[in-house]
């Protein structure tokens, strides 16, 4: 809260102390926590009460004002890389499937779509990294221009490009601060 976050996306370590502690931390946050792919077991797309799928932000001023839709996701491998039992009752859906599920809804309300996800650029075993997800979205005709990632403790000092999708990450443990300057064409989105 003191750092003025606008939002956060769930990572595997948010689950380390269990969902009750996680709910306490979310309740203390002055910003939304995004986890579009964190779905209640036995449902198709119902999220826990402590998670939101996306957030809309108005940025800029006057004629330079735009709305950015941010879809936030947790790493699909979270149940396998956090402590046993801490994700009980939850399913972590495929990143590409989840983005495609919300894409049209978010784009209808925004001038641009940004993805914030707790996943690195490279595939991790059977789980798609952001390079693969970006290509999947391009192949589906639903590209995004910016993906902000994490999880693989990788500092990217220049974006990784997949087509016109820029993938960035600010490293890990607060060692670097990332900044992405963007221009948005509200006609072409």
N, C-alpha and C. Protein backbone atom coordinates (compact mmCIF):
# COMPACT_ATOMS: atom_id res chain seq x y z
N UNK A 1 0.82 -1.19 0.00
CA UNK A 1 0.00 0.00 0.00
C UNK A 1 0.87 1.26 0.00
N UNK A 2 1.96 1.25 0.78
CA UNK A 2 2.83 2.42 0.85
C UNK A 2 3.51 2.69 -0.49
N UNK A 3 3.71 1.66 -1.29
CA UNK A 3 4.35 1.84 -2.59
C UNK A 3 3.37 2.33 -3.65
N UNK A 4 2.07 2.36 -3.34
CA UNK A 4 1.09 2.88 -4.27
C UNK A 4 0.77 1.94 -5.43
N UNK A 5 0.81 0.66 -5.20
CA UNK A 5 0.48 -0.29 -6.26
C UNK A 5 -0.92 -0.02 -6.80
N UNK A 6 -1.09 -0.23 -8.09
CA UNK A 6 -2.41 -0.16 -8.72
C UNK A 6 -3.08 -1.52 -8.74
N UNK A 7 -2.28 -2.58 -8.75
CA UNK A 7 -2.79 -3.94 -8.75
C UNK A 7 -1.66 -4.90 -8.49
N UNK A 8 -2.02 -6.15 -8.23
CA UNK A 8 -1.04 -7.23 -8.10
C UNK A 8 -1.64 -8.47 -8.74
N UNK A 9 -0.78 -9.33 -9.25
CA UNK A 9 -1.20 -10.64 -9.75
C UNK A 9 -0.64 -11.69 -8.80
N UNK A 10 -1.41 -12.73 -8.56
CA UNK A 10 -0.99 -13.78 -7.64
C UNK A 10 0.18 -14.55 -8.21
N UNK A 11 1.15 -14.83 -7.35
CA UNK A 11 2.24 -15.73 -7.67
C UNK A 11 2.17 -16.92 -6.74
N UNK A 12 3.03 -17.89 -6.96
CA UNK A 12 2.96 -19.10 -6.15
C UNK A 12 3.23 -18.83 -4.67
N UNK A 13 4.09 -17.89 -4.34
CA UNK A 13 4.42 -17.68 -2.92
C UNK A 13 3.29 -17.00 -2.15
N UNK A 14 2.36 -16.36 -2.82
CA UNK A 14 1.20 -15.82 -2.10
C UNK A 14 0.39 -16.92 -1.43
N UNK A 15 0.52 -18.15 -1.90
CA UNK A 15 -0.23 -19.28 -1.36
C UNK A 15 0.53 -20.04 -0.28
N UNK A 16 1.79 -19.69 -0.02
CA UNK A 16 2.63 -20.48 0.88
C UNK A 16 2.07 -20.65 2.29
N UNK A 17 1.37 -19.68 2.80
CA UNK A 17 0.85 -19.76 4.17
C UNK A 17 -0.63 -20.12 4.20
N UNK A 18 -1.16 -20.53 3.06
CA UNK A 18 -2.55 -20.96 2.99
C UNK A 18 -3.49 -19.84 2.57
N UNK A 19 -4.70 -20.24 2.22
CA UNK A 19 -5.65 -19.30 1.67
C UNK A 19 -6.24 -18.35 2.71
N UNK A 20 -6.32 -18.76 3.98
CA UNK A 20 -6.84 -17.85 5.01
C UNK A 20 -5.91 -16.65 5.19
N UNK A 21 -4.61 -16.91 5.26
CA UNK A 21 -3.63 -15.82 5.38
C UNK A 21 -3.64 -14.98 4.11
N UNK A 22 -3.75 -15.64 2.96
CA UNK A 22 -3.81 -14.92 1.69
C UNK A 22 -5.01 -13.97 1.68
N UNK A 23 -6.16 -14.44 2.13
CA UNK A 23 -7.36 -13.59 2.17
C UNK A 23 -7.14 -12.40 3.10
N UNK A 24 -6.44 -12.61 4.21
CA UNK A 24 -6.13 -11.50 5.12
C UNK A 24 -5.27 -10.45 4.42
N UNK A 25 -4.25 -10.89 3.68
CA UNK A 25 -3.37 -9.95 2.98
C UNK A 25 -4.13 -9.22 1.87
N UNK A 26 -4.98 -9.91 1.15
CA UNK A 26 -5.78 -9.27 0.10
C UNK A 26 -6.69 -8.21 0.73
N UNK A 27 -7.32 -8.54 1.85
CA UNK A 27 -8.22 -7.60 2.53
C UNK A 27 -7.47 -6.35 3.00
N UNK A 28 -6.20 -6.49 3.32
CA UNK A 28 -5.39 -5.35 3.76
C UNK A 28 -4.89 -4.50 2.61
N UNK A 29 -5.01 -5.00 1.40
CA UNK A 29 -4.48 -4.29 0.23
C UNK A 29 -5.45 -3.21 -0.24
N UNK A 30 -4.90 -2.07 -0.61
CA UNK A 30 -5.69 -0.96 -1.14
C UNK A 30 -5.78 -1.03 -2.67
N UNK A 31 -5.53 -2.17 -3.22
CA UNK A 31 -5.52 -2.39 -4.66
C UNK A 31 -6.07 -3.79 -4.92
N UNK A 32 -6.56 -4.03 -6.14
CA UNK A 32 -7.10 -5.36 -6.45
C UNK A 32 -5.99 -6.37 -6.73
N UNK A 33 -6.29 -7.63 -6.42
CA UNK A 33 -5.43 -8.76 -6.75
C UNK A 33 -6.08 -9.49 -7.92
N UNK A 34 -5.30 -9.70 -8.97
CA UNK A 34 -5.83 -10.33 -10.18
C UNK A 34 -5.38 -11.78 -10.27
N UNK A 35 -6.34 -12.62 -10.62
CA UNK A 35 -6.07 -14.05 -10.81
C UNK A 35 -7.14 -14.63 -11.69
N UNK A 36 -7.18 -14.20 -12.94
CA UNK A 36 -8.24 -14.61 -13.87
C UNK A 36 -8.31 -16.12 -14.06
N UNK A 37 -7.19 -16.79 -13.87
CA UNK A 37 -7.16 -18.24 -14.10
C UNK A 37 -7.22 -19.05 -12.80
N UNK A 38 -7.44 -18.39 -11.66
CA UNK A 38 -7.56 -19.07 -10.38
C UNK A 38 -9.05 -19.32 -10.15
N UNK A 39 -9.49 -20.52 -10.46
CA UNK A 39 -10.91 -20.85 -10.53
C UNK A 39 -11.28 -21.84 -9.43
N UNK A 40 -12.46 -21.65 -8.88
CA UNK A 40 -12.93 -22.59 -7.86
C UNK A 40 -13.16 -23.96 -8.49
N UNK A 41 -12.63 -24.98 -7.85
CA UNK A 41 -12.76 -26.36 -8.32
C UNK A 41 -14.25 -26.70 -8.49
N UNK A 42 -14.58 -27.37 -9.58
CA UNK A 42 -15.96 -27.77 -9.85
C UNK A 42 -16.77 -26.72 -10.57
N UNK A 43 -16.14 -25.58 -10.91
CA UNK A 43 -16.84 -24.54 -11.68
C UNK A 43 -16.08 -24.30 -12.98
N UNK A 44 -16.73 -23.65 -13.89
CA UNK A 44 -16.08 -23.33 -15.17
C UNK A 44 -15.20 -22.08 -15.04
N UNK A 45 -15.77 -20.97 -14.53
CA UNK A 45 -15.02 -19.72 -14.45
C UNK A 45 -15.28 -18.94 -13.17
N UNK A 46 -15.78 -19.56 -12.12
CA UNK A 46 -16.04 -18.85 -10.87
C UNK A 46 -14.73 -18.65 -10.12
N UNK A 47 -14.44 -17.39 -9.79
CA UNK A 47 -13.21 -17.06 -9.07
C UNK A 47 -13.49 -16.99 -7.57
N UNK A 48 -12.47 -17.21 -6.76
CA UNK A 48 -12.64 -16.98 -5.32
C UNK A 48 -12.98 -15.50 -5.07
N UNK A 49 -13.61 -15.22 -3.94
CA UNK A 49 -14.03 -13.84 -3.66
C UNK A 49 -12.85 -12.89 -3.56
N UNK A 50 -11.65 -13.40 -3.32
CA UNK A 50 -10.47 -12.55 -3.15
C UNK A 50 -9.71 -12.30 -4.45
N UNK A 51 -10.24 -12.73 -5.56
CA UNK A 51 -9.56 -12.55 -6.85
C UNK A 51 -10.48 -11.86 -7.86
N UNK A 52 -9.89 -11.01 -8.67
CA UNK A 52 -10.57 -10.37 -9.80
C UNK A 52 -9.89 -10.84 -11.09
N UNK A 53 -10.64 -10.92 -12.19
CA UNK A 53 -10.00 -11.36 -13.43
C UNK A 53 -9.20 -10.26 -14.13
N UNK A 54 -9.69 -9.02 -14.04
CA UNK A 54 -9.01 -7.93 -14.73
C UNK A 54 -9.38 -6.61 -14.07
N UNK A 55 -8.65 -5.57 -14.46
CA UNK A 55 -8.89 -4.23 -13.95
C UNK A 55 -8.77 -3.25 -15.11
N UNK A 56 -9.57 -2.22 -15.09
CA UNK A 56 -9.51 -1.17 -16.11
C UNK A 56 -8.92 0.09 -15.48
N UNK A 57 -7.99 0.73 -16.19
CA UNK A 57 -7.34 1.95 -15.71
C UNK A 57 -7.47 3.02 -16.78
N UNK A 58 -7.80 4.21 -16.35
CA UNK A 58 -7.75 5.36 -17.24
C UNK A 58 -6.42 6.05 -17.00
N UNK A 59 -5.68 6.27 -18.07
CA UNK A 59 -4.36 6.90 -17.98
C UNK A 59 -4.32 8.10 -18.90
N UNK A 60 -3.40 8.99 -18.65
CA UNK A 60 -3.25 10.18 -19.48
C UNK A 60 -4.26 11.25 -19.11
N UNK A 61 -4.21 12.34 -19.85
CA UNK A 61 -5.12 13.46 -19.61
C UNK A 61 -5.61 14.03 -20.93
N UNK A 62 -6.76 14.72 -20.87
CA UNK A 62 -7.30 15.41 -22.03
C UNK A 62 -7.45 14.50 -23.23
N UNK A 63 -6.97 14.97 -24.38
CA UNK A 63 -7.05 14.18 -25.61
C UNK A 63 -6.13 12.97 -25.59
N UNK A 64 -5.21 12.93 -24.64
CA UNK A 64 -4.28 11.81 -24.52
C UNK A 64 -4.73 10.80 -23.48
N UNK A 65 -6.02 10.77 -23.18
CA UNK A 65 -6.54 9.83 -22.20
C UNK A 65 -6.91 8.52 -22.87
N UNK A 66 -6.60 7.42 -22.20
CA UNK A 66 -6.92 6.09 -22.74
C UNK A 66 -7.25 5.16 -21.58
N UNK A 67 -7.95 4.09 -21.90
CA UNK A 67 -8.28 3.07 -20.91
C UNK A 67 -7.48 1.83 -21.22
N UNK A 68 -6.78 1.33 -20.21
CA UNK A 68 -6.00 0.10 -20.35
C UNK A 68 -6.71 -0.99 -19.56
N UNK A 69 -6.93 -2.12 -20.19
CA UNK A 69 -7.47 -3.29 -19.52
C UNK A 69 -6.34 -4.24 -19.19
N UNK A 70 -6.19 -4.56 -17.92
CA UNK A 70 -5.12 -5.44 -17.47
C UNK A 70 -5.73 -6.75 -17.00
N UNK A 71 -5.36 -7.84 -17.69
CA UNK A 71 -5.76 -9.18 -17.27
C UNK A 71 -4.60 -9.76 -16.46
N UNK A 72 -4.89 -10.21 -15.25
CA UNK A 72 -3.85 -10.74 -14.38
C UNK A 72 -4.02 -12.23 -14.15
N UNK A 73 -2.91 -12.96 -14.18
CA UNK A 73 -2.96 -14.41 -14.03
C UNK A 73 -1.86 -14.92 -13.12
N UNK A 74 -2.15 -16.00 -12.44
CA UNK A 74 -1.16 -16.72 -11.65
C UNK A 74 -0.54 -17.80 -12.54
N UNK A 75 0.64 -18.23 -12.17
CA UNK A 75 1.27 -19.32 -12.92
C UNK A 75 0.45 -20.59 -12.83
N UNK A 76 0.28 -21.24 -13.94
CA UNK A 76 -0.51 -22.47 -14.01
C UNK A 76 0.10 -23.58 -13.15
N UNK A 77 1.40 -23.52 -12.93
CA UNK A 77 2.07 -24.55 -12.16
C UNK A 77 2.03 -24.30 -10.65
N UNK A 78 1.34 -23.27 -10.20
CA UNK A 78 1.31 -22.91 -8.78
C UNK A 78 1.04 -24.09 -7.85
N UNK A 79 0.04 -24.94 -8.12
CA UNK A 79 -0.20 -26.05 -7.17
C UNK A 79 0.99 -26.99 -7.02
N UNK A 80 1.85 -27.05 -8.02
CA UNK A 80 2.99 -27.96 -7.98
C UNK A 80 4.24 -27.35 -7.36
N UNK A 81 4.29 -26.02 -7.26
CA UNK A 81 5.51 -25.38 -6.78
C UNK A 81 5.31 -24.64 -5.46
N UNK A 82 4.16 -24.79 -4.85
CA UNK A 82 3.93 -24.22 -3.52
C UNK A 82 3.66 -25.37 -2.56
N UNK A 83 3.45 -25.07 -1.34
CA UNK A 83 3.30 -26.09 -0.31
C UNK A 83 2.02 -26.91 -0.51
N UNK A 84 2.10 -28.18 -0.23
CA UNK A 84 0.97 -29.10 -0.41
C UNK A 84 -0.22 -28.63 0.41
N UNK A 85 -1.39 -28.61 -0.24
CA UNK A 85 -2.64 -28.27 0.42
C UNK A 85 -3.00 -26.80 0.40
N UNK A 86 -2.06 -25.94 0.06
CA UNK A 86 -2.34 -24.50 0.14
C UNK A 86 -3.22 -24.00 -1.00
N UNK A 87 -3.36 -24.78 -2.05
CA UNK A 87 -4.21 -24.38 -3.17
C UNK A 87 -5.44 -25.29 -3.28
N UNK A 88 -5.72 -26.01 -2.21
CA UNK A 88 -6.85 -26.95 -2.20
C UNK A 88 -8.15 -26.23 -2.58
N UNK A 89 -8.92 -26.86 -3.47
CA UNK A 89 -10.19 -26.30 -3.90
C UNK A 89 -10.09 -25.33 -5.06
N UNK A 90 -8.86 -25.17 -5.57
CA UNK A 90 -8.64 -24.24 -6.68
C UNK A 90 -8.06 -24.97 -7.88
N UNK A 91 -8.38 -24.47 -9.05
CA UNK A 91 -7.82 -24.95 -10.30
C UNK A 91 -7.14 -23.75 -10.96
N UNK A 92 -5.92 -23.96 -11.47
CA UNK A 92 -5.18 -22.90 -12.15
C UNK A 92 -5.23 -23.20 -13.64
N UNK A 93 -6.10 -22.49 -14.34
CA UNK A 93 -6.36 -22.77 -15.75
C UNK A 93 -5.21 -22.33 -16.66
N UNK A 94 -5.21 -22.90 -17.82
CA UNK A 94 -4.24 -22.59 -18.88
C UNK A 94 -4.23 -21.09 -19.16
N UNK A 95 -3.03 -20.51 -19.28
CA UNK A 95 -2.89 -19.07 -19.48
C UNK A 95 -3.55 -18.60 -20.78
N UNK A 96 -3.25 -19.26 -21.88
CA UNK A 96 -3.82 -18.85 -23.16
C UNK A 96 -5.34 -18.95 -23.14
N UNK A 97 -5.87 -20.07 -22.66
CA UNK A 97 -7.32 -20.27 -22.59
C UNK A 97 -7.98 -19.17 -21.77
N UNK A 98 -7.35 -18.80 -20.67
CA UNK A 98 -7.92 -17.78 -19.80
C UNK A 98 -7.91 -16.40 -20.47
N UNK A 99 -6.80 -16.04 -21.07
CA UNK A 99 -6.73 -14.75 -21.75
C UNK A 99 -7.77 -14.68 -22.85
N UNK A 100 -7.90 -15.75 -23.63
CA UNK A 100 -8.90 -15.77 -24.70
C UNK A 100 -10.32 -15.67 -24.13
N UNK A 101 -10.55 -16.26 -22.96
CA UNK A 101 -11.87 -16.19 -22.34
C UNK A 101 -12.27 -14.74 -22.03
N UNK A 102 -11.32 -13.93 -21.55
CA UNK A 102 -11.62 -12.55 -21.14
C UNK A 102 -11.29 -11.50 -22.20
N UNK A 103 -10.58 -11.85 -23.24
CA UNK A 103 -10.03 -10.91 -24.21
C UNK A 103 -11.08 -9.96 -24.78
N UNK A 104 -12.13 -10.51 -25.37
CA UNK A 104 -13.13 -9.66 -26.03
C UNK A 104 -13.86 -8.77 -25.03
N UNK A 105 -14.15 -9.31 -23.85
CA UNK A 105 -14.83 -8.54 -22.80
C UNK A 105 -13.98 -7.34 -22.38
N UNK A 106 -12.69 -7.57 -22.20
CA UNK A 106 -11.80 -6.49 -21.78
C UNK A 106 -11.59 -5.50 -22.91
N UNK A 107 -11.33 -5.98 -24.11
CA UNK A 107 -11.07 -5.08 -25.24
C UNK A 107 -12.30 -4.22 -25.57
N UNK A 108 -13.50 -4.72 -25.32
CA UNK A 108 -14.72 -3.93 -25.56
C UNK A 108 -14.78 -2.72 -24.63
N UNK A 109 -14.08 -2.77 -23.49
CA UNK A 109 -14.11 -1.69 -22.51
C UNK A 109 -12.82 -0.87 -22.48
N UNK A 110 -11.82 -1.29 -23.23
CA UNK A 110 -10.50 -0.67 -23.12
C UNK A 110 -9.94 -0.32 -24.49
N UNK A 111 -8.94 0.56 -24.47
CA UNK A 111 -8.24 0.93 -25.69
C UNK A 111 -7.03 0.04 -25.95
N UNK A 112 -6.62 -0.71 -24.95
CA UNK A 112 -5.48 -1.63 -25.07
C UNK A 112 -5.60 -2.69 -23.98
N UNK A 113 -5.04 -3.87 -24.26
CA UNK A 113 -5.03 -4.96 -23.29
C UNK A 113 -3.58 -5.27 -22.93
N UNK A 114 -3.33 -5.32 -21.63
CA UNK A 114 -2.01 -5.67 -21.09
C UNK A 114 -2.20 -6.91 -20.23
N UNK A 115 -1.23 -7.81 -20.29
CA UNK A 115 -1.26 -9.03 -19.48
C UNK A 115 -0.20 -8.91 -18.40
N UNK A 116 -0.59 -9.16 -17.14
CA UNK A 116 0.34 -9.25 -16.02
C UNK A 116 0.21 -10.67 -15.49
N UNK A 117 1.31 -11.41 -15.51
CA UNK A 117 1.22 -12.83 -15.19
C UNK A 117 2.47 -13.31 -14.46
N UNK A 118 2.26 -14.17 -13.49
CA UNK A 118 3.39 -14.74 -12.74
C UNK A 118 3.92 -15.95 -13.51
N UNK A 119 4.61 -15.66 -14.59
CA UNK A 119 5.23 -16.68 -15.44
C UNK A 119 6.37 -16.03 -16.18
N UNK A 120 7.41 -16.78 -16.46
CA UNK A 120 8.55 -16.27 -17.19
C UNK A 120 8.39 -16.42 -18.68
N UNK A 121 9.41 -16.05 -19.41
CA UNK A 121 9.35 -16.06 -20.87
C UNK A 121 9.41 -17.48 -21.44
N UNK A 122 10.17 -18.34 -20.79
CA UNK A 122 10.38 -19.69 -21.31
C UNK A 122 9.34 -20.67 -20.78
N UNK A 123 9.07 -21.72 -21.55
CA UNK A 123 8.22 -22.80 -21.07
C UNK A 123 8.86 -23.42 -19.84
N UNK A 124 8.03 -23.91 -18.93
CA UNK A 124 8.50 -24.56 -17.71
C UNK A 124 7.89 -25.95 -17.67
N UNK A 125 8.64 -26.93 -18.12
CA UNK A 125 8.09 -28.28 -18.24
C UNK A 125 6.90 -28.25 -19.19
N UNK A 126 5.75 -28.76 -18.75
CA UNK A 126 4.58 -28.78 -19.63
C UNK A 126 3.82 -27.45 -19.68
N UNK A 127 4.30 -26.43 -18.95
CA UNK A 127 3.58 -25.16 -18.84
C UNK A 127 4.15 -24.12 -19.79
N UNK A 128 3.26 -23.46 -20.50
CA UNK A 128 3.66 -22.49 -21.50
C UNK A 128 4.21 -21.23 -20.87
N UNK A 129 5.40 -20.81 -21.33
CA UNK A 129 5.97 -19.52 -20.96
C UNK A 129 5.34 -18.42 -21.80
N UNK A 130 5.71 -17.19 -21.51
CA UNK A 130 5.07 -16.06 -22.19
C UNK A 130 5.36 -15.98 -23.68
N UNK A 131 6.52 -16.46 -24.11
CA UNK A 131 6.78 -16.50 -25.55
C UNK A 131 5.77 -17.40 -26.25
N UNK A 132 5.50 -18.55 -25.68
CA UNK A 132 4.52 -19.48 -26.26
C UNK A 132 3.11 -18.90 -26.18
N UNK A 133 2.75 -18.32 -25.03
CA UNK A 133 1.42 -17.73 -24.88
C UNK A 133 1.21 -16.60 -25.87
N UNK A 134 2.22 -15.74 -26.04
CA UNK A 134 2.12 -14.64 -27.00
C UNK A 134 1.87 -15.18 -28.41
N UNK A 135 2.60 -16.21 -28.80
CA UNK A 135 2.40 -16.79 -30.13
C UNK A 135 1.03 -17.43 -30.26
N UNK A 136 0.57 -18.11 -29.20
CA UNK A 136 -0.78 -18.70 -29.23
C UNK A 136 -1.85 -17.63 -29.45
N UNK A 137 -1.69 -16.48 -28.79
CA UNK A 137 -2.66 -15.39 -28.94
C UNK A 137 -2.61 -14.80 -30.35
N UNK A 138 -1.41 -14.66 -30.88
CA UNK A 138 -1.26 -14.18 -32.27
C UNK A 138 -1.95 -15.15 -33.22
N UNK A 139 -1.70 -16.45 -33.04
CA UNK A 139 -2.30 -17.46 -33.90
C UNK A 139 -3.82 -17.47 -33.80
N UNK A 140 -4.36 -17.11 -32.63
CA UNK A 140 -5.81 -17.07 -32.41
C UNK A 140 -6.42 -15.75 -32.91
N UNK A 141 -5.60 -14.84 -33.42
CA UNK A 141 -6.10 -13.55 -33.89
C UNK A 141 -6.45 -12.60 -32.75
N UNK A 142 -5.88 -12.83 -31.56
CA UNK A 142 -6.16 -12.01 -30.38
C UNK A 142 -4.84 -11.58 -29.74
N UNK A 143 -4.01 -10.86 -30.47
CA UNK A 143 -2.70 -10.50 -29.91
C UNK A 143 -2.81 -9.43 -28.84
N UNK A 144 -1.81 -9.40 -27.96
CA UNK A 144 -1.67 -8.30 -27.00
C UNK A 144 -0.33 -7.63 -27.29
N UNK A 145 -0.23 -6.37 -26.92
CA UNK A 145 0.99 -5.64 -27.22
C UNK A 145 2.02 -5.71 -26.11
N UNK A 146 1.57 -5.95 -24.86
CA UNK A 146 2.49 -5.95 -23.74
C UNK A 146 2.13 -7.04 -22.75
N UNK A 147 3.13 -7.83 -22.38
CA UNK A 147 3.00 -8.84 -21.33
C UNK A 147 4.07 -8.54 -20.29
N UNK A 148 3.64 -8.45 -19.03
CA UNK A 148 4.56 -8.21 -17.93
C UNK A 148 4.62 -9.50 -17.13
N UNK A 149 5.79 -10.09 -17.05
CA UNK A 149 5.93 -11.40 -16.44
C UNK A 149 6.83 -11.42 -15.23
N UNK A 150 7.00 -12.61 -14.71
CA UNK A 150 7.86 -12.84 -13.55
C UNK A 150 8.05 -14.33 -13.35
N UNK A 151 8.33 -14.76 -12.16
CA UNK A 151 8.43 -16.14 -11.72
C UNK A 151 9.78 -16.79 -12.00
N UNK A 152 10.37 -16.62 -13.15
CA UNK A 152 11.61 -17.32 -13.46
C UNK A 152 12.85 -16.56 -13.00
N UNK A 153 12.67 -15.54 -12.17
CA UNK A 153 13.78 -14.76 -11.62
C UNK A 153 14.70 -14.26 -12.73
N UNK A 154 14.08 -13.74 -13.76
CA UNK A 154 14.80 -13.30 -14.95
C UNK A 154 14.63 -11.79 -15.07
N UNK A 155 15.73 -11.07 -15.14
CA UNK A 155 15.67 -9.63 -15.39
C UNK A 155 15.81 -9.41 -16.89
N UNK A 156 14.83 -8.77 -17.48
CA UNK A 156 14.89 -8.44 -18.91
C UNK A 156 15.16 -6.95 -19.02
N UNK A 157 16.33 -6.59 -19.49
CA UNK A 157 16.67 -5.18 -19.62
C UNK A 157 16.22 -4.62 -20.96
N UNK A 158 15.85 -5.48 -21.86
CA UNK A 158 15.21 -5.13 -23.13
C UNK A 158 14.05 -6.10 -23.32
N UNK A 159 12.98 -5.66 -23.96
CA UNK A 159 11.84 -6.58 -24.17
C UNK A 159 12.22 -7.77 -25.04
N UNK A 160 11.57 -8.89 -24.78
CA UNK A 160 11.61 -10.03 -25.69
C UNK A 160 10.41 -9.85 -26.61
N UNK A 161 10.64 -9.92 -27.91
CA UNK A 161 9.56 -9.69 -28.86
C UNK A 161 9.08 -11.00 -29.48
N UNK A 162 7.78 -11.18 -29.51
CA UNK A 162 7.14 -12.25 -30.26
C UNK A 162 6.15 -11.55 -31.17
N UNK A 163 6.48 -11.46 -32.47
CA UNK A 163 5.67 -10.62 -33.36
C UNK A 163 5.71 -9.20 -32.84
N UNK A 164 4.54 -8.60 -32.64
CA UNK A 164 4.45 -7.24 -32.10
C UNK A 164 4.18 -7.23 -30.60
N UNK A 165 4.29 -8.38 -29.93
CA UNK A 165 4.09 -8.46 -28.49
C UNK A 165 5.42 -8.28 -27.77
N UNK A 166 5.48 -7.28 -26.89
CA UNK A 166 6.66 -7.05 -26.06
C UNK A 166 6.45 -7.76 -24.73
N UNK A 167 7.45 -8.54 -24.32
CA UNK A 167 7.42 -9.23 -23.04
C UNK A 167 8.52 -8.61 -22.18
N UNK A 168 8.13 -8.14 -20.98
CA UNK A 168 9.08 -7.51 -20.07
C UNK A 168 8.97 -8.15 -18.69
N UNK A 169 10.02 -8.01 -17.90
CA UNK A 169 10.03 -8.45 -16.51
C UNK A 169 11.06 -7.61 -15.78
N UNK A 170 10.78 -7.32 -14.50
CA UNK A 170 11.68 -6.46 -13.73
C UNK A 170 12.57 -7.26 -12.79
N UNK A 171 12.74 -8.51 -13.04
CA UNK A 171 13.63 -9.31 -12.20
C UNK A 171 12.90 -9.90 -11.02
N UNK A 172 13.53 -9.89 -9.85
CA UNK A 172 12.99 -10.58 -8.70
C UNK A 172 13.49 -9.93 -7.41
N UNK A 173 12.77 -10.16 -6.34
CA UNK A 173 13.12 -9.65 -5.01
C UNK A 173 13.33 -8.14 -4.98
N UNK A 174 12.65 -7.42 -5.85
CA UNK A 174 12.74 -5.96 -5.84
C UNK A 174 14.09 -5.40 -6.25
N UNK A 175 14.88 -6.17 -6.96
CA UNK A 175 16.23 -5.72 -7.32
C UNK A 175 16.24 -4.65 -8.40
N UNK A 176 15.23 -4.64 -9.25
CA UNK A 176 15.14 -3.65 -10.30
C UNK A 176 13.73 -3.09 -10.34
N UNK A 177 13.60 -1.94 -10.89
CA UNK A 177 12.30 -1.33 -11.12
C UNK A 177 12.09 -1.27 -12.62
N UNK A 178 10.95 -1.77 -13.08
CA UNK A 178 10.69 -1.76 -14.51
C UNK A 178 9.78 -0.61 -14.90
N UNK A 179 9.94 -0.17 -16.12
CA UNK A 179 9.06 0.87 -16.66
C UNK A 179 8.84 0.56 -18.13
N UNK A 180 7.58 0.60 -18.53
CA UNK A 180 7.25 0.42 -19.94
C UNK A 180 6.48 1.65 -20.39
N UNK A 181 7.04 2.37 -21.33
CA UNK A 181 6.35 3.52 -21.91
C UNK A 181 5.64 3.05 -23.16
N UNK A 182 4.35 3.35 -23.24
CA UNK A 182 3.56 2.87 -24.38
C UNK A 182 2.80 4.01 -25.03
N UNK A 183 2.51 3.83 -26.31
CA UNK A 183 1.63 4.72 -27.05
C UNK A 183 0.44 3.88 -27.48
N UNK A 184 -0.75 4.43 -27.34
CA UNK A 184 -1.96 3.68 -27.66
C UNK A 184 -2.72 4.39 -28.77
N UNK A 185 -3.01 3.64 -29.83
CA UNK A 185 -3.87 4.13 -30.90
C UNK A 185 -5.28 3.67 -30.57
N UNK A 186 -6.15 4.58 -30.16
CA UNK A 186 -7.48 4.21 -29.70
C UNK A 186 -8.36 3.69 -30.85
N UNK A 187 -8.00 3.98 -32.07
CA UNK A 187 -8.78 3.47 -33.21
C UNK A 187 -8.46 2.00 -33.47
N UNK A 188 -7.18 1.67 -33.53
CA UNK A 188 -6.78 0.30 -33.82
C UNK A 188 -6.64 -0.56 -32.56
N UNK A 189 -6.62 0.09 -31.39
CA UNK A 189 -6.44 -0.56 -30.10
C UNK A 189 -5.14 -1.31 -30.06
